[in-house]
């Protein structure tokens, strides 16, 4: 009984004198993480309970919804503008082909810079 009390006291003194940060500095965290079976760990977790613990109101308060909406709407507006431009080019090509047919001239494609300018751009 006395030996157990002395041993417990000695362990307490050693642990209280131990610099935990210095010990952790010696640990290779990547090696420890490599030994963890994440599938098994996640299988033991109750994800529904974790989601219920999330404070959605606090998240919303910390989120700049205006910036999120602006970013998503500007992306959507940009995509819409790209579609409109593409459709306009297609419509322009369609009209040019029909004008060529009406004039009984072959359509050679959209007009571009003179041949000299094309050759200089290519070199």
N, C-alpha and C. Protein backbone atom coordinates (compact mmCIF):
# COMPACT_ATOMS: atom_id res chain seq x y z
N UNK A 1 0.83 -1.18 0.00
CA UNK A 1 0.00 0.00 0.00
C UNK A 1 0.87 1.25 0.00
N UNK A 2 1.88 1.29 0.84
CA UNK A 2 2.79 2.43 0.90
C UNK A 2 3.55 2.57 -0.42
N UNK A 3 3.95 1.45 -0.99
CA UNK A 3 4.69 1.49 -2.26
C UNK A 3 3.81 2.05 -3.37
N UNK A 4 2.54 1.72 -3.35
CA UNK A 4 1.63 2.24 -4.38
C UNK A 4 1.46 3.74 -4.23
N UNK A 5 1.31 4.25 -3.02
CA UNK A 5 1.15 5.68 -2.77
C UNK A 5 2.41 6.43 -3.20
N UNK A 6 3.57 5.87 -2.87
CA UNK A 6 4.84 6.51 -3.24
C UNK A 6 4.98 6.53 -4.77
N UNK A 7 4.61 5.45 -5.41
CA UNK A 7 4.71 5.36 -6.86
C UNK A 7 3.77 6.37 -7.52
N UNK A 8 2.56 6.46 -7.03
CA UNK A 8 1.60 7.41 -7.58
C UNK A 8 2.10 8.84 -7.41
N UNK A 9 2.68 9.15 -6.25
CA UNK A 9 3.21 10.50 -6.00
C UNK A 9 4.39 10.79 -6.92
N UNK A 10 5.23 9.82 -7.14
CA UNK A 10 6.39 10.00 -8.02
C UNK A 10 5.92 10.25 -9.46
N UNK A 11 4.92 9.50 -9.88
CA UNK A 11 4.38 9.70 -11.23
C UNK A 11 3.78 11.09 -11.36
N UNK A 12 3.06 11.55 -10.35
CA UNK A 12 2.48 12.89 -10.37
C UNK A 12 3.56 13.95 -10.49
N UNK A 13 4.65 13.81 -9.76
CA UNK A 13 5.74 14.78 -9.81
C UNK A 13 6.40 14.80 -11.19
N UNK A 14 6.60 13.62 -11.77
CA UNK A 14 7.22 13.55 -13.10
C UNK A 14 6.30 14.18 -14.14
N UNK A 15 5.02 13.83 -14.09
CA UNK A 15 4.07 14.37 -15.07
C UNK A 15 3.93 15.88 -14.93
N UNK A 16 3.89 16.40 -13.71
CA UNK A 16 3.74 17.84 -13.51
C UNK A 16 5.00 18.59 -13.98
N UNK A 17 6.14 17.95 -13.91
CA UNK A 17 7.38 18.59 -14.36
C UNK A 17 7.60 18.44 -15.86
N UNK A 18 6.82 17.59 -16.49
CA UNK A 18 6.99 17.30 -17.91
C UNK A 18 6.49 18.46 -18.77
N UNK A 19 7.28 18.88 -19.74
CA UNK A 19 6.87 19.92 -20.68
C UNK A 19 6.21 19.23 -21.87
N UNK A 20 4.87 19.23 -21.88
CA UNK A 20 4.10 18.52 -22.89
C UNK A 20 4.42 19.06 -24.29
N UNK A 21 4.58 20.37 -24.42
CA UNK A 21 4.90 20.95 -25.73
C UNK A 21 6.23 20.43 -26.26
N UNK A 22 7.20 20.28 -25.39
CA UNK A 22 8.50 19.75 -25.82
C UNK A 22 8.37 18.30 -26.28
N UNK A 23 7.52 17.54 -25.60
CA UNK A 23 7.29 16.15 -26.00
C UNK A 23 6.60 16.11 -27.36
N UNK A 24 5.58 16.95 -27.55
CA UNK A 24 4.84 16.98 -28.80
C UNK A 24 5.70 17.45 -29.97
N UNK A 25 6.69 18.30 -29.67
CA UNK A 25 7.61 18.74 -30.73
C UNK A 25 8.42 17.57 -31.28
N UNK A 26 8.58 16.53 -30.49
CA UNK A 26 9.35 15.36 -30.91
C UNK A 26 8.51 14.34 -31.68
N UNK A 27 7.18 14.55 -31.71
CA UNK A 27 6.28 13.59 -32.34
C UNK A 27 6.15 13.91 -33.83
N UNK A 28 6.28 12.91 -34.68
CA UNK A 28 6.07 13.06 -36.12
C UNK A 28 4.58 12.87 -36.39
N UNK A 29 3.87 14.00 -36.51
CA UNK A 29 2.41 13.97 -36.65
C UNK A 29 2.00 13.21 -37.91
N UNK A 30 2.72 13.40 -39.01
CA UNK A 30 2.36 12.70 -40.25
C UNK A 30 2.44 11.19 -40.07
N UNK A 31 3.42 10.74 -39.34
CA UNK A 31 3.55 9.29 -39.09
C UNK A 31 2.38 8.78 -38.24
N UNK A 32 1.98 9.57 -37.26
CA UNK A 32 0.83 9.20 -36.42
C UNK A 32 -0.43 9.15 -37.27
N UNK A 33 -0.64 10.17 -38.12
CA UNK A 33 -1.84 10.22 -38.95
C UNK A 33 -1.88 9.09 -39.97
N UNK A 34 -0.71 8.67 -40.45
CA UNK A 34 -0.66 7.55 -41.40
C UNK A 34 -1.16 6.26 -40.77
N UNK A 35 -1.10 6.15 -39.47
CA UNK A 35 -1.51 4.93 -38.78
C UNK A 35 -2.98 4.92 -38.39
N UNK A 36 -3.68 6.03 -38.65
CA UNK A 36 -5.09 6.13 -38.27
C UNK A 36 -5.96 5.60 -39.41
N UNK A 37 -6.90 4.73 -39.09
CA UNK A 37 -7.86 4.20 -40.06
C UNK A 37 -9.06 5.14 -40.06
N UNK A 38 -9.08 6.08 -41.02
CA UNK A 38 -10.13 7.10 -41.05
C UNK A 38 -11.51 6.50 -41.27
N UNK A 39 -11.61 5.45 -42.07
CA UNK A 39 -12.92 4.83 -42.29
C UNK A 39 -13.48 4.29 -40.98
N UNK A 40 -12.64 3.66 -40.22
CA UNK A 40 -13.09 3.11 -38.93
C UNK A 40 -13.46 4.24 -37.98
N UNK A 41 -12.64 5.30 -37.96
CA UNK A 41 -12.91 6.43 -37.08
C UNK A 41 -14.23 7.10 -37.45
N UNK A 42 -14.43 7.36 -38.75
CA UNK A 42 -15.68 7.99 -39.19
C UNK A 42 -16.89 7.08 -38.96
N UNK A 43 -16.67 5.76 -39.04
CA UNK A 43 -17.75 4.81 -38.78
C UNK A 43 -18.23 4.86 -37.34
N UNK A 44 -17.36 5.27 -36.45
CA UNK A 44 -17.73 5.35 -35.03
C UNK A 44 -18.39 6.67 -34.68
N UNK A 45 -18.38 7.63 -35.62
CA UNK A 45 -18.94 8.95 -35.33
C UNK A 45 -20.41 9.00 -35.75
N UNK A 46 -21.20 9.70 -34.97
CA UNK A 46 -22.60 9.94 -35.30
C UNK A 46 -22.69 11.29 -36.00
N UNK A 47 -22.65 11.26 -37.34
CA UNK A 47 -22.61 12.50 -38.10
C UNK A 47 -23.89 13.31 -37.95
N UNK A 48 -25.03 12.62 -37.78
CA UNK A 48 -26.29 13.35 -37.57
C UNK A 48 -26.21 14.20 -36.30
N UNK A 49 -25.66 13.61 -35.25
CA UNK A 49 -25.53 14.35 -33.99
C UNK A 49 -24.58 15.53 -34.16
N UNK A 50 -23.50 15.33 -34.91
CA UNK A 50 -22.55 16.42 -35.12
C UNK A 50 -23.20 17.57 -35.90
N UNK A 51 -23.99 17.24 -36.91
CA UNK A 51 -24.65 18.27 -37.70
C UNK A 51 -25.66 19.03 -36.85
N UNK A 52 -26.33 18.34 -35.95
CA UNK A 52 -27.31 18.99 -35.08
C UNK A 52 -26.63 19.98 -34.14
N UNK A 53 -25.35 19.77 -33.85
CA UNK A 53 -24.63 20.65 -32.94
C UNK A 53 -24.12 21.92 -33.62
N UNK A 54 -24.24 22.00 -34.94
CA UNK A 54 -23.78 23.18 -35.67
C UNK A 54 -24.76 24.32 -35.44
N UNK A 55 -24.22 25.46 -35.07
CA UNK A 55 -25.03 26.65 -34.85
C UNK A 55 -25.17 27.39 -36.18
N UNK A 56 -26.25 27.09 -36.89
CA UNK A 56 -26.47 27.64 -38.22
C UNK A 56 -26.62 29.16 -38.14
N UNK A 57 -27.30 29.65 -37.12
CA UNK A 57 -27.49 31.09 -36.99
C UNK A 57 -26.15 31.81 -36.87
N UNK A 58 -25.21 31.24 -36.11
CA UNK A 58 -23.88 31.85 -35.96
C UNK A 58 -23.14 31.82 -37.29
N UNK A 59 -23.29 30.74 -38.04
CA UNK A 59 -22.65 30.67 -39.36
C UNK A 59 -23.20 31.73 -40.29
N UNK A 60 -24.51 31.91 -40.26
CA UNK A 60 -25.14 32.91 -41.13
C UNK A 60 -24.68 34.31 -40.74
N UNK A 61 -24.54 34.56 -39.44
CA UNK A 61 -24.07 35.88 -38.99
C UNK A 61 -22.66 36.16 -39.47
N UNK A 62 -21.83 35.14 -39.55
CA UNK A 62 -20.43 35.32 -39.96
C UNK A 62 -20.26 35.33 -41.47
N UNK A 63 -21.31 35.01 -42.19
CA UNK A 63 -21.23 34.93 -43.65
C UNK A 63 -21.76 36.21 -44.25
N UNK A 64 -21.02 36.77 -45.19
CA UNK A 64 -21.47 37.95 -45.90
C UNK A 64 -22.33 37.48 -47.06
N UNK A 65 -23.63 37.28 -46.77
CA UNK A 65 -24.53 36.74 -47.77
C UNK A 65 -24.63 37.64 -49.00
N UNK A 66 -24.50 38.93 -48.79
CA UNK A 66 -24.55 39.85 -49.93
C UNK A 66 -23.44 39.55 -50.92
N UNK A 67 -22.23 39.30 -50.40
CA UNK A 67 -21.09 38.98 -51.28
C UNK A 67 -21.30 37.64 -51.96
N UNK A 68 -21.85 36.67 -51.23
CA UNK A 68 -22.10 35.35 -51.82
C UNK A 68 -23.12 35.46 -52.93
N UNK A 69 -24.20 36.19 -52.68
CA UNK A 69 -25.25 36.36 -53.69
C UNK A 69 -24.70 37.13 -54.88
N UNK A 70 -23.92 38.18 -54.61
CA UNK A 70 -23.35 38.96 -55.71
C UNK A 70 -22.41 38.12 -56.55
N UNK A 71 -21.59 37.30 -55.89
CA UNK A 71 -20.64 36.47 -56.64
C UNK A 71 -21.38 35.43 -57.48
N UNK A 72 -22.40 34.81 -56.88
CA UNK A 72 -23.12 33.78 -57.64
C UNK A 72 -23.95 34.40 -58.75
N UNK A 73 -24.55 35.56 -58.49
CA UNK A 73 -25.37 36.18 -59.53
C UNK A 73 -24.50 36.77 -60.63
N UNK A 74 -23.31 37.29 -60.27
CA UNK A 74 -22.43 37.81 -61.32
C UNK A 74 -21.92 36.67 -62.18
N UNK A 75 -21.66 35.52 -61.57
CA UNK A 75 -21.26 34.35 -62.34
C UNK A 75 -22.37 33.91 -63.27
N UNK A 76 -23.60 33.91 -62.78
CA UNK A 76 -24.74 33.53 -63.61
C UNK A 76 -24.96 34.56 -64.71
N UNK A 77 -24.80 35.83 -64.37
CA UNK A 77 -24.97 36.88 -65.39
C UNK A 77 -23.89 36.76 -66.45
N UNK A 78 -22.68 36.46 -66.03
CA UNK A 78 -21.59 36.28 -66.99
C UNK A 78 -21.85 35.09 -67.91
N UNK A 79 -22.33 33.99 -67.34
CA UNK A 79 -22.67 32.82 -68.14
C UNK A 79 -23.79 33.14 -69.13
N UNK A 80 -24.80 33.87 -68.66
CA UNK A 80 -25.90 34.25 -69.53
C UNK A 80 -25.42 35.15 -70.66
N UNK A 81 -24.53 36.09 -70.34
CA UNK A 81 -23.98 36.97 -71.36
C UNK A 81 -23.19 36.18 -72.40
N UNK A 82 -22.43 35.19 -71.95
CA UNK A 82 -21.69 34.33 -72.88
C UNK A 82 -22.64 33.58 -73.81
N UNK A 83 -23.75 33.08 -73.27
CA UNK A 83 -24.72 32.37 -74.10
C UNK A 83 -25.35 33.32 -75.12
N UNK A 84 -25.70 34.52 -74.67
CA UNK A 84 -26.30 35.50 -75.58
C UNK A 84 -25.32 35.86 -76.68
N UNK A 85 -24.05 36.08 -76.32
CA UNK A 85 -23.04 36.40 -77.34
C UNK A 85 -22.89 35.26 -78.33
N UNK A 86 -22.84 34.05 -77.83
CA UNK A 86 -22.69 32.89 -78.70
C UNK A 86 -23.88 32.76 -79.64
N UNK A 87 -25.08 32.95 -79.11
CA UNK A 87 -26.28 32.87 -79.93
C UNK A 87 -26.30 33.98 -80.97
N UNK A 88 -25.83 35.17 -80.59
CA UNK A 88 -25.78 36.30 -81.51
C UNK A 88 -24.83 36.02 -82.66
N UNK A 89 -23.67 35.46 -82.36
CA UNK A 89 -22.71 35.10 -83.41
C UNK A 89 -23.33 34.05 -84.32
N UNK A 90 -23.98 33.06 -83.75
CA UNK A 90 -24.64 32.03 -84.55
C UNK A 90 -25.72 32.62 -85.44
N UNK A 91 -26.52 33.54 -84.89
CA UNK A 91 -27.58 34.18 -85.66
C UNK A 91 -26.98 35.02 -86.79
N UNK A 92 -25.89 35.72 -86.49
CA UNK A 92 -25.22 36.53 -87.49
C UNK A 92 -24.72 35.65 -88.64
N UNK A 93 -24.13 34.51 -88.32
CA UNK A 93 -23.66 33.57 -89.34
C UNK A 93 -24.84 33.04 -90.16
N UNK A 94 -25.94 32.72 -89.50
CA UNK A 94 -27.13 32.21 -90.18
C UNK A 94 -27.65 33.23 -91.18
N UNK A 95 -27.75 34.48 -90.73
CA UNK A 95 -28.25 35.55 -91.61
C UNK A 95 -27.28 35.76 -92.77
N UNK A 96 -25.99 35.74 -92.52
CA UNK A 96 -25.00 35.94 -93.59
C UNK A 96 -25.10 34.83 -94.63
N UNK A 97 -25.33 33.59 -94.20
CA UNK A 97 -25.47 32.48 -95.17
C UNK A 97 -26.72 32.68 -96.03
N UNK A 98 -27.83 33.10 -95.40
CA UNK A 98 -29.06 33.31 -96.15
C UNK A 98 -28.93 34.48 -97.11
N UNK A 99 -28.26 35.55 -96.71
CA UNK A 99 -28.03 36.68 -97.61
C UNK A 99 -27.19 36.20 -98.79
N UNK A 100 -26.17 35.39 -98.54
CA UNK A 100 -25.37 34.84 -99.62
C UNK A 100 -26.20 34.01 -100.58
N UNK A 101 -27.13 33.22 -100.05
CA UNK A 101 -28.01 32.43 -100.93
C UNK A 101 -28.92 33.32 -101.76
N UNK A 102 -29.48 34.36 -101.11
CA UNK A 102 -30.36 35.27 -101.84
C UNK A 102 -29.59 36.01 -102.94
N UNK A 103 -28.37 36.36 -102.68
CA UNK A 103 -27.55 37.06 -103.67
C UNK A 103 -26.88 36.09 -104.64
N UNK A 104 -27.10 34.80 -104.40
CA UNK A 104 -26.53 33.73 -105.22
C UNK A 104 -25.01 33.80 -105.25
N UNK A 105 -24.46 34.06 -104.09
CA UNK A 105 -23.01 34.08 -103.94
C UNK A 105 -22.64 33.12 -102.81
N UNK A 106 -21.55 32.40 -102.94
CA UNK A 106 -21.18 31.47 -101.86
C UNK A 106 -20.74 32.23 -100.61
N UNK A 107 -21.10 31.67 -99.48
CA UNK A 107 -20.68 32.28 -98.21
C UNK A 107 -19.28 31.78 -97.89
N UNK A 108 -18.35 32.70 -97.71
CA UNK A 108 -16.94 32.33 -97.49
C UNK A 108 -16.53 32.43 -96.04
N UNK A 109 -17.44 32.67 -95.18
CA UNK A 109 -17.11 32.78 -93.76
C UNK A 109 -17.14 34.22 -93.31
N UNK A 110 -16.97 34.44 -92.03
CA UNK A 110 -17.04 35.82 -91.52
C UNK A 110 -15.88 36.65 -92.07
N UNK A 111 -16.11 37.94 -92.24
CA UNK A 111 -15.03 38.79 -92.72
C UNK A 111 -13.94 38.88 -91.67
N UNK A 112 -12.74 39.05 -92.14
CA UNK A 112 -11.60 39.17 -91.23
C UNK A 112 -10.63 40.19 -91.75
N UNK A 113 -9.50 40.30 -91.13
CA UNK A 113 -8.51 41.28 -91.60
C UNK A 113 -7.95 40.85 -92.95
N UNK A 114 -7.36 41.75 -93.69
CA UNK A 114 -6.77 41.41 -94.99
C UNK A 114 -5.69 40.33 -94.80
N UNK A 115 -5.38 39.62 -95.90
CA UNK A 115 -4.42 38.53 -95.85
C UNK A 115 -3.06 38.97 -95.29
N UNK A 116 -2.62 40.17 -95.61
CA UNK A 116 -1.32 40.66 -95.13
C UNK A 116 -1.31 40.71 -93.60
N UNK A 117 -2.39 41.18 -93.02
CA UNK A 117 -2.48 41.30 -91.56
C UNK A 117 -2.49 39.90 -90.93
N UNK A 118 -3.19 38.94 -91.54
CA UNK A 118 -3.22 37.56 -91.03
C UNK A 118 -1.84 36.94 -91.04
N UNK A 119 -1.10 37.19 -92.13
CA UNK A 119 0.24 36.62 -92.25
C UNK A 119 1.18 37.20 -91.20
N UNK A 120 1.08 38.52 -90.95
CA UNK A 120 1.93 39.14 -89.94
C UNK A 120 1.58 38.64 -88.55
N UNK A 121 0.31 38.42 -88.27
CA UNK A 121 -0.12 37.94 -86.96
C UNK A 121 0.39 36.52 -86.72
N UNK A 122 0.44 35.72 -87.77
CA UNK A 122 0.87 34.34 -87.63
C UNK A 122 2.37 34.23 -87.38
N UNK A 123 3.15 35.19 -87.85
CA UNK A 123 4.61 35.10 -87.69
C UNK A 123 5.08 35.68 -86.40
